[in-house]
Amino acid sequence: MANEVNNHSGDPGDTSKKVEMPASTAWPIVLAFGLTLIFAGPVTNASLSVLGAILSIVAAVGWFRDVLPAESHVRVPVTREAPAIVTTRETVGRLADVPDVTHASLPIEIYPVSAGIKGGLAGSVVMALLAGVYGILSGHGIWYPMNLLVAGFFPGAATETAAQIGAFNLTDLLLAVPIHLLISLLVGLLYGALLPMLPRHPIFLGGFLAPLLWSGLIYSILGFVNPVLNQRIDWSWFVLSQLGFGIVAGIIVSRQSRIRIRQLLPFIVRAGIEAPGIIHEHEVKP
């Protein structure tokens, strides 16, 4: 029996007491490893599946022998229990000069989803205009920045010459427009969610800090992901376009009307459950 104890002494702290416990076994780990090799074989090499099947069978047999027809047990000595830790302090110590904060400092007003959409669309227009100005001033052509955006998702296109990238291409245009709009809308929605957390400096966060961090992240990884594209990007104009997007999107989002969150309302109101005294009764029409 698992709870059978050999009593050699009446002292409750006597370590000569022993209790039967199920014996430890490594077969479950071996079985798990074998099953892993079985499923790894189809995507790597069939020999792994064969090895995994052999390990699984051996582990299953070994595991069954440990529990059938009788479960293996070991006798473990009973050790004295650790004394309970008590304290003589009757009150909870508190820090002095700390304001009483009863809940997390979360914004009670947020921007609606439409604010992020408006900010993203406005920022996308400004970024497209700045990119077009760069294409004209650099001599590559007005279509160069747009086609370079497509080359970022299709690395093979970045190996073309500057003249080929700057030429008009209907396929690249149909790809670049939705890609640009989708990224702009996602960033605009992100602005709408983050700007309420810094209500005192929304333009600093959205117009300067976020674009600089985003540009630095892209600059640090693009050299490894797509070295050819990294050499074709004019990073000064790239940062300028990101700042233009951030400033315009931040201004548009911050000027939208906020809505109060329902987090502070009772749960029964947020759940839409009617209850007397919490929400207004419906007008009964005769």
Protein backbone atom coordinates (compact mmCIF):
# COMPACT_ATOMS: atom_id res chain seq x y z
CA MET A 1 0.00 0.00 0.00
CA ALA A 2 1.20 3.51 -0.86
CA ASN A 3 0.28 4.80 2.56
CA GLU A 4 1.85 1.93 4.52
CA VAL A 5 4.28 3.22 7.12
CA ASN A 6 6.80 1.29 9.20
CA ASN A 7 6.75 2.65 12.74
CA HIS A 8 9.95 1.95 14.60
CA SER A 9 9.49 4.61 17.23
CA GLY A 10 6.78 6.60 18.86
CA ASP A 11 8.66 9.87 18.28
CA PRO A 12 6.84 11.83 15.54
CA GLY A 13 10.13 13.35 14.42
CA ASP A 14 11.87 9.99 14.07
CA THR A 15 13.42 9.70 10.59
CA SER A 16 13.29 5.90 10.73
CA LYS A 17 9.71 6.03 9.45
CA LYS A 18 9.36 5.00 5.84
CA VAL A 19 6.47 5.26 3.41
CA GLU A 20 5.90 3.50 0.12
CA MET A 21 5.85 5.75 -2.95
CA PRO A 22 5.57 4.96 -6.68
CA ALA A 23 9.01 4.30 -8.09
CA SER A 24 10.43 6.89 -10.47
CA THR A 25 10.91 5.90 -14.11
CA ALA A 26 12.49 7.51 -17.16
CA TRP A 27 10.39 5.62 -19.70
CA PRO A 28 7.80 8.43 -20.21
CA ILE A 29 10.60 10.79 -21.30
CA VAL A 30 11.98 8.17 -23.67
CA LEU A 31 8.49 7.62 -25.11
CA ALA A 32 8.01 11.36 -25.66
CA PHE A 33 11.37 11.58 -27.40
CA GLY A 34 10.50 8.64 -29.64
CA LEU A 35 7.16 10.18 -30.66
CA THR A 36 8.96 13.44 -31.45
CA LEU A 37 11.36 11.62 -33.77
CA ILE A 38 8.44 9.87 -35.49
CA PHE A 39 6.82 13.19 -36.44
CA ALA A 40 10.17 14.81 -37.30
CA GLY A 41 11.00 12.10 -39.81
CA PRO A 42 8.56 13.17 -42.61
CA VAL A 43 10.10 16.66 -42.77
CA THR A 44 13.74 15.59 -42.34
CA ASN A 45 14.71 11.97 -42.92
CA ALA A 46 12.72 8.74 -42.80
CA SER A 47 15.41 7.09 -40.66
CA LEU A 48 14.41 9.37 -37.77
CA SER A 49 10.88 7.98 -37.88
CA VAL A 50 12.24 4.43 -37.78
CA LEU A 51 14.45 5.25 -34.80
CA GLY A 52 11.54 7.01 -33.11
CA ALA A 53 9.28 4.00 -33.60
CA ILE A 54 11.88 1.69 -32.05
CA LEU A 55 12.34 4.01 -29.05
CA SER A 56 8.57 4.35 -28.62
CA ILE A 57 8.04 0.59 -28.57
CA VAL A 58 10.90 0.01 -26.13
CA ALA A 59 9.70 2.83 -23.87
CA ALA A 60 6.10 1.60 -23.92
CA VAL A 61 7.19 -1.94 -22.97
CA GLY A 62 9.46 -0.67 -20.22
CA TRP A 63 6.75 1.64 -18.84
CA PHE A 64 4.13 -1.13 -18.85
CA ARG A 65 6.52 -3.47 -17.00
CA ASP A 66 6.90 -0.85 -14.27
CA VAL A 67 3.16 -0.71 -13.59
CA LEU A 68 1.86 -4.13 -14.65
CA PRO A 69 0.89 -6.52 -13.17
CA ALA A 70 1.83 -4.58 -10.00
CA GLU A 71 3.06 -1.05 -9.65
CA SER A 72 6.68 -0.68 -8.57
CA HIS A 73 7.24 1.08 -5.26
CA VAL A 74 10.17 2.40 -3.27
CA ARG A 75 10.39 3.04 0.46
CA VAL A 76 11.17 6.65 1.24
CA PRO A 77 12.14 7.82 4.75
CA VAL A 78 9.88 10.39 6.32
CA THR A 79 11.71 13.56 7.25
CA ARG A 80 10.74 15.97 9.98
CA GLU A 81 8.48 18.80 8.82
CA ALA A 82 9.98 22.26 8.68
CA PRO A 83 8.75 24.54 11.46
CA ALA A 84 6.17 27.14 10.51
CA ILE A 85 7.55 30.63 10.06
CA VAL A 86 5.81 33.14 12.31
CA THR A 87 6.24 36.86 12.78
CA THR A 88 5.88 39.14 15.75
CA ARG A 89 4.84 42.08 13.60
CA GLU A 90 1.18 42.78 14.21
CA THR A 91 0.70 45.42 11.52
CA VAL A 92 1.73 45.74 7.89
CA GLY A 93 4.60 48.14 7.29
CA ARG A 94 3.90 50.91 4.78
CA LEU A 95 6.17 53.35 3.02
CA ALA A 96 5.85 56.97 4.07
CA ASP A 97 4.84 59.77 1.69
CA VAL A 98 3.39 57.38 -0.89
CA PRO A 99 -0.01 58.32 -2.35
CA ASP A 100 -2.81 55.83 -1.92
CA VAL A 101 -3.14 54.18 -5.33
CA THR A 102 -6.05 51.78 -5.45
CA HIS A 103 -5.84 50.78 -9.12
CA ALA A 104 -3.54 50.92 -12.11
CA SER A 105 -3.11 54.27 -13.83
CA LEU A 106 -4.93 53.49 -17.07
CA PRO A 107 -6.46 56.10 -19.41
CA ILE A 108 -10.18 56.58 -18.76
CA GLU A 109 -10.67 58.05 -22.24
CA ILE A 110 -9.50 56.59 -25.52
CA TYR A 111 -9.72 57.51 -29.18
CA PRO A 112 -12.24 55.67 -31.36
CA VAL A 113 -11.08 53.38 -34.13
CA SER A 114 -12.06 56.01 -36.69
CA ALA A 115 -9.40 58.35 -35.25
CA GLY A 116 -6.64 55.86 -36.02
CA ILE A 117 -8.02 55.30 -39.53
CA LYS A 118 -8.14 59.04 -40.25
CA GLY A 119 -4.63 59.55 -38.89
CA GLY A 120 -3.25 56.63 -40.89
CA LEU A 121 -4.82 57.82 -44.15
CA ALA A 122 -3.63 61.40 -43.66
CA GLY A 123 -0.13 60.22 -42.78
CA SER A 124 -0.02 57.94 -45.82
CA VAL A 125 -0.76 60.88 -48.13
CA VAL A 126 2.02 62.99 -46.61
CA MET A 127 4.48 60.10 -46.78
CA ALA A 128 3.60 59.46 -50.45
CA LEU A 129 4.10 63.15 -51.29
CA LEU A 130 7.51 63.25 -49.58
CA ALA A 131 8.52 60.02 -51.33
CA GLY A 132 7.48 61.50 -54.68
CA VAL A 133 9.52 64.65 -54.01
CA TYR A 134 12.54 62.49 -53.20
CA GLY A 135 12.10 60.53 -56.44
CA ILE A 136 12.02 63.73 -58.49
CA LEU A 137 14.93 65.46 -56.73
CA SER A 138 17.11 62.35 -56.80
CA GLY A 139 16.59 61.91 -60.54
CA HIS A 140 15.30 58.35 -60.19
CA GLY A 141 11.75 59.27 -61.11
CA ILE A 142 8.49 59.64 -59.24
CA TRP A 143 7.79 55.89 -59.39
CA TYR A 144 11.12 54.92 -57.82
CA PRO A 145 10.02 55.03 -54.12
CA MET A 146 6.82 53.11 -54.86
CA ASN A 147 8.60 50.38 -56.80
CA LEU A 148 11.28 50.24 -54.09
CA LEU A 149 8.53 49.55 -51.54
CA VAL A 150 7.45 46.51 -53.56
CA ALA A 151 11.08 45.41 -53.79
CA GLY A 152 11.13 45.25 -50.01
CA PHE A 153 8.61 42.38 -50.13
CA PHE A 154 10.06 40.76 -53.26
CA PRO A 155 13.87 40.77 -52.82
CA GLY A 156 14.48 39.78 -56.43
CA ALA A 157 13.17 43.15 -57.63
CA ALA A 158 15.86 45.00 -55.67
CA THR A 159 18.57 43.55 -57.93
CA GLU A 160 17.30 45.57 -60.91
CA THR A 161 19.01 48.76 -61.98
CA ALA A 162 17.89 52.15 -60.70
CA ALA A 163 16.45 52.98 -64.12
CA GLN A 164 14.38 49.79 -64.15
CA ILE A 165 13.06 50.41 -60.64
CA GLY A 166 12.22 54.03 -61.48
CA ALA A 167 10.19 53.10 -64.57
CA PHE A 168 6.41 52.87 -64.39
CA ASN A 169 5.14 49.35 -63.77
CA LEU A 170 1.43 48.68 -63.44
CA THR A 171 1.95 45.49 -61.43
CA ASP A 172 4.18 47.28 -58.92
CA LEU A 173 1.63 50.10 -58.67
CA LEU A 174 -1.22 47.70 -57.92
CA LEU A 175 0.92 46.06 -55.24
CA ALA A 176 2.45 49.18 -53.71
CA VAL A 177 -0.81 51.08 -53.13
CA PRO A 178 -2.55 48.45 -50.94
CA ILE A 179 0.72 47.66 -49.11
CA HIS A 180 1.26 51.33 -48.32
CA LEU A 181 -2.35 51.85 -47.22
CA LEU A 182 -2.41 48.70 -45.08
CA ILE A 183 0.79 49.59 -43.22
CA SER A 184 -0.39 53.18 -42.74
CA LEU A 185 -3.76 52.08 -41.35
CA LEU A 186 -2.12 49.65 -38.93
CA VAL A 187 0.28 52.31 -37.67
CA GLY A 188 -2.61 54.79 -37.41
CA LEU A 189 -4.59 52.36 -35.28
CA LEU A 190 -1.50 51.85 -33.13
CA TYR A 191 -1.24 55.60 -32.65
CA GLY A 192 -4.88 55.75 -31.59
CA ALA A 193 -4.21 53.12 -28.93
CA LEU A 194 -0.91 54.53 -27.62
CA LEU A 195 -1.42 58.30 -27.64
CA PRO A 196 -3.92 58.31 -24.73
CA MET A 197 -1.18 56.82 -22.55
CA LEU A 198 0.87 60.02 -22.97
CA PRO A 199 -1.83 62.70 -23.13
CA ARG A 200 0.57 65.55 -22.36
CA HIS A 201 2.96 64.86 -25.24
CA PRO A 202 1.01 63.18 -28.08
CA ILE A 203 2.89 64.94 -30.88
CA PHE A 204 6.28 64.15 -29.35
CA LEU A 205 5.38 60.46 -29.09
CA GLY A 206 3.65 60.06 -32.44
CA GLY A 207 5.57 62.62 -34.46
CA PHE A 208 9.17 62.18 -33.36
CA LEU A 209 9.85 59.37 -30.90
CA ALA A 210 7.91 56.56 -32.62
CA PRO A 211 9.19 57.32 -36.18
CA LEU A 212 12.79 57.51 -34.98
CA LEU A 213 12.52 54.21 -33.12
CA TRP A 214 10.81 52.58 -36.10
CA SER A 215 13.44 53.89 -38.54
CA GLY A 216 16.26 52.73 -36.29
CA LEU A 217 14.77 49.25 -36.04
CA ILE A 218 14.44 48.91 -39.82
CA TYR A 219 17.95 50.27 -40.36
CA SER A 220 19.44 47.77 -37.92
CA ILE A 221 17.86 44.66 -39.46
CA LEU A 222 17.55 45.50 -43.17
CA GLY A 223 21.26 45.05 -43.74
CA PHE A 224 20.89 41.38 -42.82
CA VAL A 225 17.46 40.74 -44.34
CA ASN A 226 17.95 42.47 -47.69
CA PRO A 227 21.44 44.01 -48.17
CA VAL A 228 20.74 45.09 -51.76
CA LEU A 229 17.62 47.02 -50.75
CA ASN A 230 19.52 48.53 -47.81
CA GLN A 231 22.04 50.07 -50.23
CA ARG A 232 19.32 51.62 -52.42
CA ILE A 233 17.44 53.41 -49.62
CA ASP A 234 18.31 57.03 -48.91
CA TRP A 235 17.98 56.90 -45.13
CA SER A 236 17.81 60.66 -44.63
CA TRP A 237 14.71 60.86 -46.83
CA PHE A 238 13.36 57.68 -45.27
CA VAL A 239 13.54 59.21 -41.77
CA LEU A 240 12.05 62.47 -43.09
CA SER A 241 9.06 60.63 -44.59
CA GLN A 242 8.54 58.72 -41.36
CA LEU A 243 8.60 61.97 -39.38
CA GLY A 244 6.11 63.51 -41.79
CA PHE A 245 3.78 60.56 -41.35
CA GLY A 246 4.16 60.61 -37.57
CA ILE A 247 3.55 64.34 -37.15
CA VAL A 248 0.46 64.42 -39.36
CA ALA A 249 -0.98 61.20 -37.97
CA GLY A 250 -0.31 62.34 -34.40
CA ILE A 251 -2.02 65.70 -34.99
CA ILE A 252 -5.06 64.14 -36.67
CA VAL A 253 -5.49 61.49 -33.98
CA SER A 254 -4.97 63.87 -31.05
CA ARG A 255 -7.63 66.28 -32.38
CA GLN A 256 -10.35 63.64 -32.48
CA SER A 257 -12.96 63.45 -29.75
CA ARG A 258 -12.25 60.87 -27.09
CA ILE A 259 -14.72 58.38 -25.70
CA ARG A 260 -14.85 57.18 -22.11
CA ILE A 261 -14.01 53.55 -21.55
CA ARG A 262 -16.55 51.27 -19.90
CA GLN A 263 -13.99 49.72 -17.58
CA LEU A 264 -15.14 51.80 -14.62
CA LEU A 265 -18.80 50.85 -15.06
CA PRO A 266 -20.31 47.90 -13.16
CA PHE A 267 -19.89 44.55 -14.85
CA ILE A 268 -23.64 44.08 -15.21
CA VAL A 269 -23.82 47.26 -17.29
CA ARG A 270 -20.84 46.30 -19.46
CA ALA A 271 -22.40 42.88 -20.03
CA GLY A 272 -25.64 44.47 -21.19
CA ILE A 273 -27.76 42.83 -18.48
CA GLU A 274 -30.73 44.83 -17.34
CA ALA A 275 -31.07 45.35 -13.61
CA PRO A 276 -33.30 47.78 -11.67
CA GLY A 277 -31.45 50.73 -10.23
CA ILE A 278 -28.42 50.37 -12.53
CA ILE A 279 -29.73 51.28 -15.95
CA HIS A 280 -32.77 53.23 -16.96
CA GLU A 281 -35.97 51.35 -17.47
CA HIS A 282 -37.31 51.15 -21.00
CA GLU A 283 -40.18 53.38 -21.83
CA VAL A 284 -43.34 51.34 -22.03
CA LYS A 285 -45.45 52.33 -24.96
CA PRO A 286 -49.22 51.95 -24.56
